[in-house]
Structures are given as structure tokens and as C-alpha cells.
């Protein structure tokens, strides 16, 4: 496991900052977003510190798959009949924490195109 001492999500993974953890395995940690945009808004983060989804896919396709699998498992556990999974990559796309993470949104109808 490689964490960055200055990263908010790494501090959550390490238990230094509290979060409502909803899922954890050897590859990922998932927790409820503190500013939810839907009834279900969970952030799924790799335990490996990588800046964004593009870098994660290059260095660990296995962990990338684990994130998507966790999203589906959480959605099923919450009874979601549909959900949206979003990776923001780079500041221009809205990424504000530079540790790769997937937003799992559901529990209401979601409009398209998004913001």
C-alpha cells in the first residue's frame, strides 16, 4: 500500500480523518460523500495513491476493475436499479482531490447531459 501523507483520501484510508465507510476490501475503500448530489453518493477510492483515473488505468487495471466491481456491489446492496459512475480526471473536469476516485450516484433519476 502506498499512501501520500498530504492527501485527504489517503488520510481517510488510514483512519486519520473520519468518514462514513460503506465498503472496504484489499484494493478499495468507499465512503459516503460529505456533499451528496443524489440520495446515494459514494466515493470509491483505491488504496493505492494515484492522481487520477487515467494514471490508475495505466498502472493497475486490476484495481480499476476492483473499483467498478465495488460500485456494482454497493449499488446492489442499496437496491439501486440504475446508477451513474463518474471519474473526474483533471481540474478542468472538476477533480478537486487528486487521488483517483469514482463517484457512485443513484437513488433518483439522473439527467443527461450532466452539468
C-alpha atoms as a PDB file:
ATOM      1  CA  UNK A   1       0.000   0.000   0.000  1.00  0.00           C
ATOM      2  CA  UNK A   2       1.387   3.394  -0.987  1.00  0.00           C
ATOM      3  CA  UNK A   3      -0.240   6.434   0.629  1.00  0.00           C
ATOM      4  CA  UNK A   4       0.560  10.153   0.410  1.00  0.00           C
ATOM      5  CA  UNK A   5       0.705  11.874   3.822  1.00  0.00           C
ATOM      6  CA  UNK A   6      -0.650  15.108   2.300  1.00  0.00           C
ATOM      7  CA  UNK A   7      -3.671  13.538   0.560  1.00  0.00           C
ATOM      8  CA  UNK A   8      -7.162  13.883   2.063  1.00  0.00           C
ATOM      9  CA  UNK A   9      -8.307  10.497   0.749  1.00  0.00           C
ATOM     10  CA  UNK A  10      -5.121   8.770   1.925  1.00  0.00           C
ATOM     11  CA  UNK A  11      -5.807  10.160   5.402  1.00  0.00           C
ATOM     12  CA  UNK A  12      -9.353   8.749   5.245  1.00  0.00           C
ATOM     13  CA  UNK A  13      -7.985   5.364   4.116  1.00  0.00           C
ATOM     14  CA  UNK A  14      -5.516   5.385   7.025  1.00  0.00           C
ATOM     15  CA  UNK A  15      -8.275   6.299   9.503  1.00  0.00           C
ATOM     16  CA  UNK A  16      -6.711   9.681  10.339  1.00  0.00           C
ATOM     17  CA  UNK A  17      -9.791  11.574   9.129  1.00  0.00           C
ATOM     18  CA  UNK A  18     -13.248  10.201   9.934  1.00  0.00           C
ATOM     19  CA  UNK A  19     -15.585   9.162   7.142  1.00  0.00           C
ATOM     20  CA  UNK A  20     -18.686   7.007   6.888  1.00  0.00           C
ATOM     21  CA  UNK A  21     -17.052   3.914   5.370  1.00  0.00           C
ATOM     22  CA  UNK A  22     -19.578   1.788   3.487  1.00  0.00           C
ATOM     23  CA  UNK A  23     -17.242  -0.729   1.847  1.00  0.00           C
ATOM     24  CA  UNK A  24     -13.639  -1.856   2.220  1.00  0.00           C
ATOM     25  CA  UNK A  25     -11.536  -4.629   0.749  1.00  0.00           C
ATOM     26  CA  UNK A  26      -7.850  -5.143  -0.026  1.00  0.00           C
ATOM     27  CA  UNK A  27      -7.996  -2.801  -3.049  1.00  0.00           C
ATOM     28  CA  UNK A  28     -10.527  -0.052  -2.331  1.00  0.00           C
ATOM     29  CA  UNK A  29     -12.299   1.964   0.337  1.00  0.00           C
ATOM     30  CA  UNK A  30     -15.737   3.502  -0.238  1.00  0.00           C
ATOM     31  CA  UNK A  31     -17.388   6.198   1.842  1.00  0.00           C
ATOM     32  CA  UNK A  32     -20.388   8.498   1.626  1.00  0.00           C
ATOM     33  CA  UNK A  33     -19.677  11.876   0.023  1.00  0.00           C
ATOM     34  CA  UNK A  34     -19.921  14.753   2.521  1.00  0.00           C
ATOM     35  CA  UNK A  35     -21.760  16.845  -0.079  1.00  0.00           C
ATOM     36  CA  UNK A  36     -24.090  14.328  -1.766  1.00  0.00           C
ATOM     37  CA  UNK A  37     -25.527  15.147  -5.184  1.00  0.00           C
ATOM     38  CA  UNK A  38     -28.037  12.258  -5.086  1.00  0.00           C
ATOM     39  CA  UNK A  39     -29.608  10.056  -2.378  1.00  0.00           C
ATOM     40  CA  UNK A  40     -26.710   7.661  -2.953  1.00  0.00           C
ATOM     41  CA  UNK A  41     -23.394   9.419  -3.491  1.00  0.00           C
ATOM     42  CA  UNK A  42     -20.457   7.220  -2.571  1.00  0.00           C
ATOM     43  CA  UNK A  43     -16.794   7.830  -3.353  1.00  0.00           C
ATOM     44  CA  UNK A  44     -14.801   4.712  -4.167  1.00  0.00           C
ATOM     45  CA  UNK A  45     -11.058   5.194  -3.881  1.00  0.00           C
ATOM     46  CA  UNK A  46      -8.149   2.852  -4.497  1.00  0.00           C
ATOM     47  CA  UNK A  47      -5.920   2.166  -1.515  1.00  0.00           C
ATOM     48  CA  UNK A  48      -3.010   2.888  -3.865  1.00  0.00           C
ATOM     49  CA  UNK A  49      -2.411   6.647  -4.161  1.00  0.00           C
ATOM     50  CA  UNK A  50      -2.633   7.569  -7.839  1.00  0.00           C
ATOM     51  CA  UNK A  51      -3.505  11.081  -9.031  1.00  0.00           C
ATOM     52  CA  UNK A  52      -6.377  10.278 -11.405  1.00  0.00           C
ATOM     53  CA  UNK A  53      -8.268   7.551 -13.247  1.00  0.00           C
ATOM     54  CA  UNK A  54      -6.055   7.721 -16.343  1.00  0.00           C
ATOM     55  CA  UNK A  55      -2.940   7.073 -14.274  1.00  0.00           C
ATOM     56  CA  UNK A  56      -4.703   4.337 -12.318  1.00  0.00           C
ATOM     57  CA  UNK A  57      -5.727   2.524 -15.507  1.00  0.00           C
ATOM     58  CA  UNK A  58      -2.105   2.634 -16.717  1.00  0.00           C
ATOM     59  CA  UNK A  59      -0.525   1.367 -13.502  1.00  0.00           C
ATOM     60  CA  UNK A  60      -3.187  -1.013 -12.221  1.00  0.00           C
ATOM     61  CA  UNK A  61      -6.034  -2.268 -14.398  1.00  0.00           C
ATOM     62  CA  UNK A  62      -6.775  -4.800 -11.639  1.00  0.00           C
ATOM     63  CA  UNK A  63      -7.519  -2.059  -9.104  1.00  0.00           C
ATOM     64  CA  UNK A  64      -9.510  -0.147 -11.727  1.00  0.00           C
ATOM     65  CA  UNK A  65     -11.665  -3.244 -12.166  1.00  0.00           C
ATOM     66  CA  UNK A  66     -11.950  -3.582  -8.376  1.00  0.00           C
ATOM     67  CA  UNK A  67     -13.367  -0.039  -8.186  1.00  0.00           C
ATOM     68  CA  UNK A  68     -16.030  -0.834 -10.789  1.00  0.00           C
ATOM     69  CA  UNK A  69     -16.863  -4.112  -9.083  1.00  0.00           C
ATOM     70  CA  UNK A  70     -17.208  -2.349  -5.713  1.00  0.00           C
ATOM     71  CA  UNK A  71     -19.543   0.211  -7.319  1.00  0.00           C
ATOM     72  CA  UNK A  72     -21.823  -2.556  -8.550  1.00  0.00           C
ATOM     73  CA  UNK A  73     -21.735  -4.360  -5.195  1.00  0.00           C
ATOM     74  CA  UNK A  74     -22.645  -1.159  -3.328  1.00  0.00           C
ATOM     75  CA  UNK A  75     -25.429  -0.365  -5.828  1.00  0.00           C
ATOM     76  CA  UNK A  76     -26.923  -3.833  -5.410  1.00  0.00           C
ATOM     77  CA  UNK A  77     -26.704  -3.586  -1.605  1.00  0.00           C
ATOM     78  CA  UNK A  78     -28.559  -0.265  -1.753  1.00  0.00           C
ATOM     79  CA  UNK A  79     -31.240  -1.592  -4.075  1.00  0.00           C
ATOM     80  CA  UNK A  80     -30.386   0.758  -6.937  1.00  0.00           C
ATOM     81  CA  UNK A  81     -31.989  -0.212 -10.242  1.00  0.00           C
ATOM     82  CA  UNK A  82     -29.636   2.129 -12.092  1.00  0.00           C
ATOM     83  CA  UNK A  83     -26.671   4.270 -11.184  1.00  0.00           C
ATOM     84  CA  UNK A  84     -24.059   6.585 -12.640  1.00  0.00           C
ATOM     85  CA  UNK A  85     -20.346   6.067 -12.145  1.00  0.00           C
ATOM     86  CA  UNK A  86     -18.091   9.059 -12.762  1.00  0.00           C
ATOM     87  CA  UNK A  87     -14.340   9.627 -12.765  1.00  0.00           C
ATOM     88  CA  UNK A  88     -13.342  13.294 -12.998  1.00  0.00           C
ATOM     89  CA  UNK A  89      -9.804  13.457 -14.387  1.00  0.00           C
ATOM     90  CA  UNK A  90      -8.066  16.798 -14.002  1.00  0.00           C
ATOM     91  CA  UNK A  91      -9.130  20.144 -12.564  1.00  0.00           C
ATOM     92  CA  UNK A  92     -10.896  21.189 -15.779  1.00  0.00           C
ATOM     93  CA  UNK A  93     -13.181  18.152 -15.426  1.00  0.00           C
ATOM     94  CA  UNK A  94     -13.999  19.032 -11.814  1.00  0.00           C
ATOM     95  CA  UNK A  95     -11.465  16.869  -9.973  1.00  0.00           C
ATOM     96  CA  UNK A  96     -10.724  18.612  -6.666  1.00  0.00           C
ATOM     97  CA  UNK A  97      -8.974  15.833  -4.731  1.00  0.00           C
ATOM     98  CA  UNK A  98      -6.067  14.470  -6.738  1.00  0.00           C
ATOM     99  CA  UNK A  99      -6.401  10.847  -5.683  1.00  0.00           C
ATOM    100  CA  UNK A 100      -8.269   8.752  -8.255  1.00  0.00           C
ATOM    101  CA  UNK A 101     -11.862   8.160  -7.189  1.00  0.00           C
ATOM    102  CA  UNK A 102     -15.168   7.094  -8.659  1.00  0.00           C
ATOM    103  CA  UNK A 103     -18.409   8.870  -7.777  1.00  0.00           C
ATOM    104  CA  UNK A 104     -21.292   6.396  -7.496  1.00  0.00           C
ATOM    105  CA  UNK A 105     -24.592   8.293  -7.855  1.00  0.00           C
ATOM    106  CA  UNK A 106     -28.093   6.871  -7.704  1.00  0.00           C
ATOM    107  CA  UNK A 107     -31.413   6.782  -5.959  1.00  0.00           C
ATOM    108  CA  UNK A 108     -33.108   9.305  -8.249  1.00  0.00           C
ATOM    109  CA  UNK A 109     -33.485   9.985 -11.956  1.00  0.00           C
ATOM    110  CA  UNK A 110     -30.282  11.485 -13.316  1.00  0.00           C
ATOM    111  CA  UNK A 111     -30.432  13.972 -16.192  1.00  0.00           C
ATOM    112  CA  UNK A 112     -28.275  13.858 -19.285  1.00  0.00           C
ATOM    113  CA  UNK A 113     -26.095  15.576 -20.217  1.00  0.00           C
ATOM    114  CA  UNK A 114     -24.586  16.214 -16.785  1.00  0.00           C
ATOM    115  CA  UNK A 115     -23.501  19.730 -15.745  1.00  0.00           C
END
